[in-house]
């Protein structure tokens, strides 16, 4: 079931590339927000959110949904 990247259509390759760019941008925004937020505005220690944000899609989404005190 494994396919080589060359075997994928150009449309699928572009979609995967775009998804990768969006994922990196999402993680970047989460890191930027974490760096610019005070410690008392974040649930839990800020250092614990760094490795969590590195988990694809789930980490940045978890940070924005659960990590910020409102």
C-alpha atoms as a PDB file:
ATOM      1  CA  UNK A   1       0.000   0.000   0.000  1.00  0.00           C
ATOM      2  CA  UNK A   2       3.023   2.279   0.262  1.00  0.00           C
ATOM      3  CA  UNK A   3       3.321   4.649  -2.669  1.00  0.00           C
ATOM      4  CA  UNK A   4       6.294   6.559  -3.872  1.00  0.00           C
ATOM      5  CA  UNK A   5       5.867  10.329  -3.965  1.00  0.00           C
ATOM      6  CA  UNK A   6       6.538  10.229  -7.702  1.00  0.00           C
ATOM      7  CA  UNK A   7       3.548   7.931  -8.167  1.00  0.00           C
ATOM      8  CA  UNK A   8       1.117  10.522  -6.780  1.00  0.00           C
ATOM      9  CA  UNK A   9      -0.658  12.910  -9.093  1.00  0.00           C
ATOM     10  CA  UNK A  10       0.503  16.534  -9.129  1.00  0.00           C
ATOM     11  CA  UNK A  11      -2.806  17.579  -7.570  1.00  0.00           C
ATOM     12  CA  UNK A  12      -2.307  15.207  -4.623  1.00  0.00           C
ATOM     13  CA  UNK A  13       1.318  16.344  -4.229  1.00  0.00           C
ATOM     14  CA  UNK A  14       0.185  19.975  -4.120  1.00  0.00           C
ATOM     15  CA  UNK A  15      -2.486  19.140  -1.551  1.00  0.00           C
ATOM     16  CA  UNK A  16       0.010  17.356   0.670  1.00  0.00           C
ATOM     17  CA  UNK A  17       2.430  20.250   0.327  1.00  0.00           C
ATOM     18  CA  UNK A  18      -0.255  22.732   1.280  1.00  0.00           C
ATOM     19  CA  UNK A  19      -1.285  20.611   4.278  1.00  0.00           C
ATOM     20  CA  UNK A  20       2.348  20.542   5.411  1.00  0.00           C
ATOM     21  CA  UNK A  21       2.657  24.317   5.115  1.00  0.00           C
ATOM     22  CA  UNK A  22      -0.567  24.842   7.094  1.00  0.00           C
ATOM     23  CA  UNK A  23       0.624  22.423   9.783  1.00  0.00           C
ATOM     24  CA  UNK A  24       3.968  24.220  10.170  1.00  0.00           C
ATOM     25  CA  UNK A  25       2.214  27.613  10.269  1.00  0.00           C
ATOM     26  CA  UNK A  26      -0.215  26.344  12.929  1.00  0.00           C
ATOM     27  CA  UNK A  27       2.674  25.119  15.094  1.00  0.00           C
ATOM     28  CA  UNK A  28       4.575  28.377  14.540  1.00  0.00           C
ATOM     29  CA  UNK A  29       1.568  30.417  15.675  1.00  0.00           C
ATOM     30  CA  UNK A  30       1.201  28.259  18.787  1.00  0.00           C
ATOM     31  CA  UNK A  31       4.894  28.697  19.652  1.00  0.00           C
ATOM     32  CA  UNK A  32       4.700  32.445  18.998  1.00  0.00           C
ATOM     33  CA  UNK A  33       1.636  32.781  21.201  1.00  0.00           C
ATOM     34  CA  UNK A  34       3.241  30.709  23.959  1.00  0.00           C
ATOM     35  CA  UNK A  35       6.387  32.837  23.872  1.00  0.00           C
ATOM     36  CA  UNK A  36       4.473  36.108  24.091  1.00  0.00           C
ATOM     37  CA  UNK A  37       2.016  35.081  26.791  1.00  0.00           C
ATOM     38  CA  UNK A  38       2.635  35.514  30.523  1.00  0.00           C
ATOM     39  CA  UNK A  39       3.003  32.310  32.556  1.00  0.00           C
ATOM     40  CA  UNK A  40      -0.161  32.997  34.527  1.00  0.00           C
ATOM     41  CA  UNK A  41      -2.170  33.105  31.276  1.00  0.00           C
ATOM     42  CA  UNK A  42      -1.181  29.520  30.369  1.00  0.00           C
ATOM     43  CA  UNK A  43      -2.556  26.387  31.995  1.00  0.00           C
ATOM     44  CA  UNK A  44       0.317  24.338  33.327  1.00  0.00           C
ATOM     45  CA  UNK A  45       4.000  25.122  32.936  1.00  0.00           C
ATOM     46  CA  UNK A  46       4.961  26.817  29.680  1.00  0.00           C
ATOM     47  CA  UNK A  47       7.882  24.393  29.245  1.00  0.00           C
ATOM     48  CA  UNK A  48       5.463  21.456  29.158  1.00  0.00           C
ATOM     49  CA  UNK A  49       3.626  22.949  26.173  1.00  0.00           C
ATOM     50  CA  UNK A  50       6.761  23.052  24.002  1.00  0.00           C
ATOM     51  CA  UNK A  51       6.950  19.294  23.294  1.00  0.00           C
ATOM     52  CA  UNK A  52       3.147  19.087  23.202  1.00  0.00           C
ATOM     53  CA  UNK A  53       2.965  21.627  20.383  1.00  0.00           C
ATOM     54  CA  UNK A  54       5.382  19.496  18.348  1.00  0.00           C
ATOM     55  CA  UNK A  55       2.751  16.755  18.010  1.00  0.00           C
ATOM     56  CA  UNK A  56       1.269  17.179  14.535  1.00  0.00           C
ATOM     57  CA  UNK A  57      -2.046  19.052  14.467  1.00  0.00           C
ATOM     58  CA  UNK A  58      -3.102  17.762  17.885  1.00  0.00           C
ATOM     59  CA  UNK A  59      -0.497  19.694  19.850  1.00  0.00           C
ATOM     60  CA  UNK A  60      -1.202  23.200  18.512  1.00  0.00           C
ATOM     61  CA  UNK A  61      -4.943  22.558  18.584  1.00  0.00           C
ATOM     62  CA  UNK A  62      -4.721  21.375  22.212  1.00  0.00           C
ATOM     63  CA  UNK A  63      -2.716  24.444  23.147  1.00  0.00           C
ATOM     64  CA  UNK A  64      -5.239  26.847  21.627  1.00  0.00           C
ATOM     65  CA  UNK A  65      -8.245  24.933  23.014  1.00  0.00           C
ATOM     66  CA  UNK A  66      -7.013  23.975  26.486  1.00  0.00           C
ATOM     67  CA  UNK A  67      -3.702  25.704  27.201  1.00  0.00           C
ATOM     68  CA  UNK A  68      -4.801  29.317  27.271  1.00  0.00           C
ATOM     69  CA  UNK A  69      -6.630  30.677  30.287  1.00  0.00           C
ATOM     70  CA  UNK A  70      -9.564  32.811  29.306  1.00  0.00           C
END
